[in-house]
N, C-alpha and C. Protein backbone atom coordinates (compact mmCIF):
# COMPACT_ATOMS: atom_id res chain seq x y z
N UNK A 1 48.38 38.89 205.91
CA UNK A 1 48.09 37.57 206.44
C UNK A 1 48.37 37.54 207.94
N UNK A 2 47.44 37.00 208.70
CA UNK A 2 47.59 36.93 210.14
C UNK A 2 48.27 35.62 210.54
N UNK A 3 49.19 35.70 211.50
CA UNK A 3 49.91 34.52 211.96
C UNK A 3 48.97 33.62 212.77
N UNK A 4 49.11 32.29 212.64
CA UNK A 4 48.30 31.37 213.45
C UNK A 4 48.59 31.57 214.94
N UNK A 5 47.61 31.26 215.76
CA UNK A 5 47.75 31.43 217.20
C UNK A 5 48.42 30.20 217.80
N UNK A 6 49.42 30.42 218.64
CA UNK A 6 50.12 29.36 219.36
C UNK A 6 49.57 29.35 220.78
N UNK A 7 49.07 28.20 221.24
CA UNK A 7 48.51 28.10 222.59
C UNK A 7 49.23 27.01 223.37
N UNK A 8 49.18 27.14 224.69
CA UNK A 8 49.72 26.12 225.58
C UNK A 8 48.67 25.87 226.67
N UNK A 9 48.39 24.59 226.92
CA UNK A 9 47.39 24.27 227.93
C UNK A 9 47.78 23.00 228.67
N UNK A 10 47.43 22.92 229.96
CA UNK A 10 47.72 21.71 230.73
C UNK A 10 46.73 20.60 230.39
N UNK A 11 47.21 19.37 230.36
CA UNK A 11 46.35 18.20 230.15
C UNK A 11 46.78 17.10 231.12
N UNK A 12 45.88 16.24 231.45
CA UNK A 12 46.18 15.09 232.31
C UNK A 12 46.05 13.83 231.47
N UNK A 13 47.11 13.04 231.42
CA UNK A 13 47.10 11.76 230.70
C UNK A 13 47.62 10.69 231.65
N UNK A 14 46.84 9.66 231.81
CA UNK A 14 47.19 8.54 232.69
C UNK A 14 47.56 9.03 234.09
N UNK A 15 46.83 10.05 234.56
CA UNK A 15 47.05 10.58 235.90
C UNK A 15 48.27 11.48 236.04
N UNK A 16 48.97 11.77 234.96
CA UNK A 16 50.18 12.59 234.99
C UNK A 16 49.92 13.93 234.29
N UNK A 17 50.50 15.02 234.83
CA UNK A 17 50.33 16.32 234.17
C UNK A 17 51.25 16.47 232.96
N UNK A 18 50.71 16.98 231.87
CA UNK A 18 51.46 17.27 230.66
C UNK A 18 51.05 18.66 230.18
N UNK A 19 51.82 19.23 229.28
CA UNK A 19 51.50 20.52 228.68
C UNK A 19 51.47 20.35 227.18
N UNK A 20 50.41 20.85 226.56
CA UNK A 20 50.21 20.67 225.13
C UNK A 20 50.31 22.02 224.42
N UNK A 21 51.24 22.10 223.46
CA UNK A 21 51.42 23.30 222.65
C UNK A 21 50.69 23.05 221.33
N UNK A 22 49.81 23.98 220.96
CA UNK A 22 48.99 23.81 219.76
C UNK A 22 49.14 25.01 218.83
N UNK A 23 49.05 24.72 217.54
CA UNK A 23 48.98 25.75 216.51
C UNK A 23 48.13 25.16 215.39
N UNK A 24 46.91 25.68 215.27
CA UNK A 24 46.00 25.10 214.29
C UNK A 24 45.66 23.67 214.66
N UNK A 25 45.81 22.75 213.69
CA UNK A 25 45.51 21.33 213.93
C UNK A 25 46.68 20.59 214.58
N UNK A 26 47.85 21.21 214.60
CA UNK A 26 49.05 20.55 215.12
C UNK A 26 49.17 20.70 216.63
N UNK A 27 49.60 19.62 217.29
CA UNK A 27 49.79 19.63 218.74
C UNK A 27 51.05 18.85 219.10
N UNK A 28 51.74 19.35 220.11
CA UNK A 28 52.92 18.67 220.62
C UNK A 28 52.80 18.66 222.14
N UNK A 29 53.01 17.50 222.75
CA UNK A 29 52.83 17.35 224.19
C UNK A 29 54.18 17.18 224.89
N UNK A 30 54.34 17.91 225.99
CA UNK A 30 55.57 17.88 226.79
C UNK A 30 55.24 17.45 228.21
N UNK A 31 56.17 16.76 228.86
CA UNK A 31 55.97 16.41 230.27
C UNK A 31 56.66 17.42 231.18
N UNK A 32 57.32 18.41 230.60
CA UNK A 32 58.03 19.44 231.35
C UNK A 32 57.46 20.80 230.96
N UNK A 33 56.94 21.54 231.93
CA UNK A 33 56.29 22.82 231.63
C UNK A 33 57.26 23.83 231.04
N UNK A 34 58.47 23.90 231.56
CA UNK A 34 59.45 24.86 231.04
C UNK A 34 59.78 24.56 229.58
N UNK A 35 59.93 23.30 229.24
CA UNK A 35 60.20 22.93 227.85
C UNK A 35 59.04 23.33 226.95
N UNK A 36 57.82 23.12 227.41
CA UNK A 36 56.64 23.48 226.63
C UNK A 36 56.56 24.99 226.43
N UNK A 37 56.81 25.75 227.48
CA UNK A 37 56.76 27.21 227.38
C UNK A 37 57.86 27.75 226.48
N UNK A 38 59.04 27.17 226.59
CA UNK A 38 60.15 27.60 225.74
C UNK A 38 59.85 27.31 224.28
N UNK A 39 59.37 26.12 223.99
CA UNK A 39 59.02 25.76 222.62
C UNK A 39 57.92 26.67 222.08
N UNK A 40 56.89 26.92 222.88
CA UNK A 40 55.78 27.76 222.45
C UNK A 40 56.26 29.18 222.14
N UNK A 41 57.15 29.70 222.97
CA UNK A 41 57.68 31.05 222.75
C UNK A 41 58.49 31.12 221.45
N UNK A 42 59.34 30.13 221.24
CA UNK A 42 60.15 30.11 220.02
C UNK A 42 59.27 29.92 218.79
N UNK A 43 58.27 29.07 218.88
CA UNK A 43 57.35 28.85 217.76
C UNK A 43 56.58 30.12 217.45
N UNK A 44 56.12 30.81 218.49
CA UNK A 44 55.39 32.06 218.30
C UNK A 44 56.24 33.09 217.57
N UNK A 45 57.49 33.25 218.00
CA UNK A 45 58.38 34.21 217.35
C UNK A 45 58.67 33.82 215.91
N UNK A 46 58.87 32.55 215.66
CA UNK A 46 59.17 32.08 214.31
C UNK A 46 57.98 32.30 213.37
N UNK A 47 56.79 31.95 213.83
CA UNK A 47 55.59 32.12 213.02
C UNK A 47 55.33 33.61 212.77
N UNK A 48 55.54 34.42 213.79
CA UNK A 48 55.34 35.87 213.66
C UNK A 48 56.31 36.46 212.64
N UNK A 49 57.57 36.02 212.66
CA UNK A 49 58.55 36.55 211.72
C UNK A 49 58.26 36.08 210.30
N UNK A 50 57.76 34.86 210.13
CA UNK A 50 57.43 34.38 208.79
C UNK A 50 56.20 35.07 208.22
N UNK A 51 55.29 35.50 209.10
CA UNK A 51 54.06 36.16 208.65
C UNK A 51 54.29 37.65 208.35
N UNK A 52 55.38 38.21 208.86
CA UNK A 52 55.66 39.63 208.65
C UNK A 52 56.00 39.88 207.19
N UNK A 53 55.55 41.02 206.65
CA UNK A 53 55.88 41.34 205.25
C UNK A 53 57.37 41.59 205.08
N UNK A 54 57.91 41.14 203.97
CA UNK A 54 59.33 41.34 203.69
C UNK A 54 59.57 42.79 203.31
N UNK A 55 60.70 43.33 203.73
CA UNK A 55 61.04 44.73 203.40
C UNK A 55 61.92 44.78 202.19
């Protein structure tokens, strides 16, 4: 089974920059780029570890 792809992209809402972390249909929006990148990295590692076959 392949792990879902975690993406991060900039978006503009009400004239303000935000960063949106997506995985499949789910999205979470942050107003701080570092927080978005940190969350995306942790989510990626978590999803990758759950998708790995158990030994």
